[in-house]
Amino acid sequence: MKAMILAAGRGERMRPLTDHTPKPLLEAGGKPLIGWHIERLVAAGISEIVVNCAWLAHQLQAALGDGRRFNARLHWSVEAKALETAGGIARALPLLGSEPFLVVNGDIWCDWDFCRAASCAQHMKQGGALAWLLMVDNPAHHPEGDFELNDSGQLGQRMNNGRSFTFSGIGVYDPQLFAALDPAQRAPLAPLLRGAMARRQVIGEHYKGMWMDIGTPERLRTLDEHLKQ
């Protein structure tokens, strides 16, 4: 199974830290955020990793190279301007192959076991789904959540009935989900997922372990303190 780490964003909320450093290279617990992802993916047996980049792409490529020092093989998908999540994935499809793949946001930290990604892909195939999403409790900065998750693992649009959760930024996708997108155009992920939800093609699960959206300097400091402990 292959994985993709999303690392192309400008990191506006993280400024001024990201004015001269790409967000995935900001450090917490003594190593870059993206380093935690790569190490945990390799430990889970996923060594073929695609990384997309745009803002300060040369710094990311210089810092990580071909991934050899992580015992990984990194493949770079360079965007002249960030194409948003779905657009970035669509552009990287030739590097990701024809089988379901794991995608991880570069600006989160989560202790979910990446070893489970293969079984999630199998579950998708059995149910005819095109996406599997890891959902978490709604954080204080996003109390309304993103999508609803029913008892059978089906995900749908939020209907304000108290069953909404926040998308963690970790998902498994079938490449067919992105097949109709222009790989040169910006495209957000949420509309694509909502369309698939309407066709009952998105499943997921609620995770209660540690998860953080590292979107601000304050949250980066909080994660750094936690990891150093």
Protein backbone atom coordinates (compact mmCIF):
# COMPACT_ATOMS: atom_id res chain seq x y z
CA MET A 1 0.00 0.00 0.00
CA LYS A 2 1.18 3.54 -0.80
CA ALA A 3 0.65 6.70 1.22
CA MET A 4 0.54 10.40 0.49
CA ILE A 5 1.42 13.22 2.88
CA LEU A 6 -0.21 16.56 2.07
CA ALA A 7 2.46 19.22 2.48
CA ALA A 8 1.75 21.93 -0.10
CA GLY A 9 -0.11 24.51 1.98
CA ARG A 10 1.16 28.00 2.83
CA GLY A 11 0.26 27.71 6.53
CA GLU A 12 -1.30 31.17 6.86
CA ARG A 13 -2.51 30.62 10.43
CA MET A 14 1.00 29.56 11.43
CA ARG A 15 2.65 32.79 10.33
CA PRO A 16 5.22 34.19 10.98
CA LEU A 17 6.75 30.73 11.56
CA THR A 18 5.91 29.68 8.01
CA ASP A 19 7.16 32.82 6.29
CA HIS A 20 10.55 31.19 5.79
CA THR A 21 9.92 27.55 6.74
CA PRO A 22 7.34 25.18 5.20
CA LYS A 23 4.87 24.09 7.86
CA PRO A 24 5.76 20.35 7.66
CA LEU A 25 9.35 21.21 8.68
CA LEU A 26 8.31 23.00 11.87
CA GLU A 27 9.52 20.96 14.81
CA ALA A 28 7.71 19.40 17.76
CA GLY A 29 9.31 16.99 20.18
CA GLY A 30 12.70 17.50 18.55
CA LYS A 31 11.79 16.55 14.97
CA PRO A 32 9.83 18.01 12.03
CA LEU A 33 6.09 17.33 11.93
CA ILE A 34 6.46 15.45 8.66
CA GLY A 35 9.25 13.35 10.16
CA TRP A 36 6.81 11.87 12.68
CA HIS A 37 4.50 10.82 9.83
CA ILE A 38 7.25 9.26 7.72
CA GLU A 39 8.71 7.30 10.63
CA ARG A 40 5.31 5.97 11.69
CA LEU A 41 4.35 5.03 8.13
CA VAL A 42 7.60 3.12 7.66
CA ALA A 43 7.10 1.38 11.02
CA ALA A 44 3.67 0.28 9.73
CA GLY A 45 5.24 -1.24 6.61
CA ILE A 46 4.30 1.63 4.28
CA SER A 47 7.54 2.82 2.71
CA GLU A 48 6.32 4.14 -0.69
CA ILE A 49 5.27 7.69 0.15
CA VAL A 50 4.23 10.55 -2.12
CA VAL A 51 4.67 14.09 -0.78
CA ASN A 52 3.11 17.06 -2.55
CA CYS A 53 4.69 20.46 -2.13
CA ALA A 54 4.31 24.04 -3.33
CA TRP A 55 5.25 26.71 -0.77
CA LEU A 56 9.03 26.59 -0.21
CA ALA A 57 9.07 23.23 -1.98
CA HIS A 58 12.84 23.34 -2.43
CA GLN A 59 13.32 23.38 1.35
CA LEU A 60 11.16 20.30 1.83
CA GLN A 61 12.93 18.41 -0.92
CA ALA A 62 16.36 19.39 0.36
CA ALA A 63 15.51 18.36 3.92
CA LEU A 64 13.92 14.99 3.09
CA GLY A 65 15.54 14.00 -0.20
CA ASP A 66 14.56 10.57 -1.47
CA GLY A 67 13.63 9.35 2.00
CA ARG A 68 16.50 6.90 2.25
CA ARG A 69 17.49 7.99 5.75
CA PHE A 70 13.98 7.06 6.91
CA ASN A 71 14.13 3.71 5.07
CA ALA A 72 11.41 5.09 2.82
CA ARG A 73 11.08 5.93 -0.87
CA LEU A 74 9.75 9.46 -1.23
CA HIS A 75 8.17 10.57 -4.50
CA TRP A 76 7.61 14.29 -5.00
CA SER A 77 4.53 15.86 -6.59
CA VAL A 78 5.45 19.51 -7.11
CA GLU A 79 2.71 22.11 -7.59
CA ALA A 80 3.45 25.57 -8.94
CA LYS A 81 0.65 26.83 -6.70
CA ALA A 82 -1.10 24.72 -4.08
CA LEU A 83 -4.00 22.84 -5.69
CA GLU A 84 -5.91 22.21 -2.42
CA THR A 85 -6.48 18.69 -1.13
CA ALA A 86 -8.42 17.00 -3.92
CA GLY A 87 -6.49 18.82 -6.64
CA GLY A 88 -3.18 17.83 -5.09
CA ILE A 89 -4.24 14.19 -4.86
CA ALA A 90 -5.52 14.22 -8.46
CA ARG A 91 -2.17 15.57 -9.67
CA ALA A 92 -0.32 12.83 -7.75
CA LEU A 93 -2.46 9.91 -9.01
CA PRO A 94 0.20 8.69 -11.50
CA LEU A 95 2.53 8.21 -8.52
CA LEU A 96 -0.09 6.52 -6.35
CA GLY A 97 -1.21 3.71 -8.64
CA SER A 98 -4.54 2.00 -9.16
CA GLU A 99 -5.16 0.61 -5.67
CA PRO A 100 -6.58 2.45 -2.62
CA PHE A 101 -3.99 4.58 -0.83
CA LEU A 102 -3.62 6.28 2.53
CA VAL A 103 -3.55 10.09 2.77
CA VAL A 104 -2.35 12.02 5.83
CA ASN A 105 -2.51 15.78 6.35
CA GLY A 106 0.97 17.11 7.01
CA ASP A 107 -0.21 19.49 9.75
CA ILE A 108 -1.80 17.03 12.18
CA TRP A 109 -0.46 14.71 14.88
CA CYS A 110 -2.28 11.47 15.65
CA ASP A 111 -1.35 8.16 17.24
CA TRP A 112 -3.74 6.07 15.12
CA ASP A 113 -2.04 2.89 13.95
CA PHE A 114 -1.21 3.18 10.23
CA CYS A 115 -1.00 -0.63 10.13
CA ARG A 116 -4.80 -0.60 9.98
CA ALA A 117 -4.94 1.22 6.64
CA ALA A 118 -4.82 -1.98 4.57
CA SER A 119 -7.81 -3.48 6.38
CA CYS A 120 -9.70 -0.19 5.90
CA ALA A 121 -9.04 -0.45 2.15
CA GLN A 122 -10.36 -4.00 2.17
CA HIS A 123 -13.48 -2.87 4.00
CA MET A 124 -14.00 -0.21 1.33
CA LYS A 125 -13.78 -2.76 -1.46
CA GLN A 126 -16.23 -5.10 0.23
CA GLY A 127 -18.79 -2.32 0.65
CA GLY A 128 -18.27 -0.55 -2.67
CA ALA A 129 -17.00 2.61 -0.95
CA LEU A 130 -14.59 5.09 -2.50
CA ALA A 131 -13.38 6.65 0.77
CA TRP A 132 -12.76 5.74 4.39
CA LEU A 133 -12.28 8.58 6.88
CA LEU A 134 -10.93 8.61 10.42
CA MET A 135 -13.21 10.82 12.51
CA VAL A 136 -12.39 12.36 15.89
CA ASP A 137 -14.17 14.29 18.63
CA ASN A 138 -14.83 17.92 17.74
CA PRO A 139 -12.06 20.17 19.10
CA ALA A 140 -12.80 23.48 20.80
CA HIS A 141 -11.88 25.43 17.66
CA HIS A 142 -14.30 23.39 15.51
CA PRO A 143 -17.27 22.49 17.76
CA GLU A 144 -19.80 21.86 14.98
CA GLY A 145 -17.81 19.05 13.36
CA ASP A 146 -17.70 18.06 9.69
CA PHE A 147 -19.77 14.95 9.00
CA GLU A 148 -22.16 12.55 10.69
CA LEU A 149 -21.26 8.94 11.37
CA ASN A 150 -23.98 6.37 11.96
CA ASP A 151 -23.74 3.09 13.87
CA SER A 152 -23.01 1.12 10.70
CA GLY A 153 -19.98 3.27 9.83
CA GLN A 154 -21.68 5.23 7.05
CA LEU A 155 -20.71 8.89 6.78
CA GLY A 156 -23.07 11.64 5.68
CA GLN A 157 -23.55 15.38 5.78
CA ARG A 158 -24.06 17.06 9.13
CA MET A 159 -27.73 17.29 10.17
CA ASN A 160 -27.34 18.75 13.68
CA ASN A 161 -28.55 15.67 15.51
CA GLY A 162 -25.55 15.35 17.80
CA ARG A 163 -23.74 12.65 15.80
CA SER A 164 -21.25 14.90 14.03
CA PHE A 165 -17.50 14.42 14.28
CA THR A 166 -14.43 16.16 12.86
CA PHE A 167 -12.46 14.70 9.96
CA SER A 168 -8.98 13.94 11.28
CA GLY A 169 -7.12 14.48 8.01
CA ILE A 170 -6.40 10.74 7.75
CA GLY A 171 -8.24 8.83 5.04
CA VAL A 172 -8.02 5.93 2.62
CA TYR A 173 -9.19 6.65 -0.93
CA ASP A 174 -9.89 4.77 -4.10
CA PRO A 175 -8.28 6.61 -7.04
CA GLN A 176 -11.65 6.49 -8.84
CA LEU A 177 -12.87 9.20 -6.46
CA PHE A 178 -10.52 11.69 -8.16
CA ALA A 179 -10.64 10.34 -11.72
CA ALA A 180 -12.87 13.12 -13.11
CA LEU A 181 -10.76 15.99 -11.74
CA ASP A 182 -8.41 18.07 -13.88
CA PRO A 183 -4.95 17.47 -12.36
CA ALA A 184 -3.96 21.05 -13.19
CA GLN A 185 -6.86 22.72 -11.37
CA ARG A 186 -7.46 23.59 -7.72
CA ALA A 187 -10.11 21.41 -6.10
CA PRO A 188 -11.18 21.12 -2.45
CA LEU A 189 -11.92 17.71 -0.97
CA ALA A 190 -15.16 18.40 0.91
CA PRO A 191 -17.47 18.77 -2.16
CA LEU A 192 -16.08 15.56 -3.62
CA LEU A 193 -16.75 13.72 -0.37
CA ARG A 194 -20.26 15.12 -0.06
CA GLY A 195 -21.10 13.87 -3.54
CA ALA A 196 -19.79 10.41 -2.67
CA MET A 197 -21.70 10.49 0.63
CA ALA A 198 -24.91 11.13 -1.28
CA ARG A 199 -24.20 7.87 -3.15
CA ARG A 200 -23.38 6.09 0.15
CA GLN A 201 -19.75 5.60 -0.91
CA VAL A 202 -18.01 7.01 2.17
CA ILE A 203 -17.44 5.04 5.36
CA GLY A 204 -15.36 5.64 8.47
CA GLU A 205 -14.89 5.19 12.16
CA HIS A 206 -14.65 7.29 15.32
CA TYR A 207 -11.18 7.37 16.89
CA LYS A 208 -10.79 8.30 20.57
CA GLY A 209 -6.99 8.39 20.78
CA MET A 210 -4.72 11.42 20.59
CA TRP A 211 -5.24 13.79 17.68
CA MET A 212 -4.25 17.42 17.19
CA ASP A 213 -4.69 19.88 14.35
CA ILE A 214 -1.39 21.78 14.38
CA GLY A 215 -2.78 24.90 12.77
CA THR A 216 -1.44 27.67 15.02
CA PRO A 217 1.81 28.45 16.86
CA GLU A 218 -0.02 27.88 20.16
CA ARG A 219 -1.04 24.34 19.18
CA LEU A 220 2.48 23.63 17.95
CA ARG A 221 3.83 24.64 21.36
CA THR A 222 1.23 22.43 23.08
CA LEU A 223 2.27 19.43 20.96
CA ASP A 224 5.97 20.15 21.55
CA GLU A 225 5.44 20.17 25.32
CA HIS A 226 3.43 16.94 25.17
CA LEU A 227 6.00 15.09 23.09
CA LYS A 228 8.91 16.25 25.23
CA GLN A 229 7.17 14.82 28.30
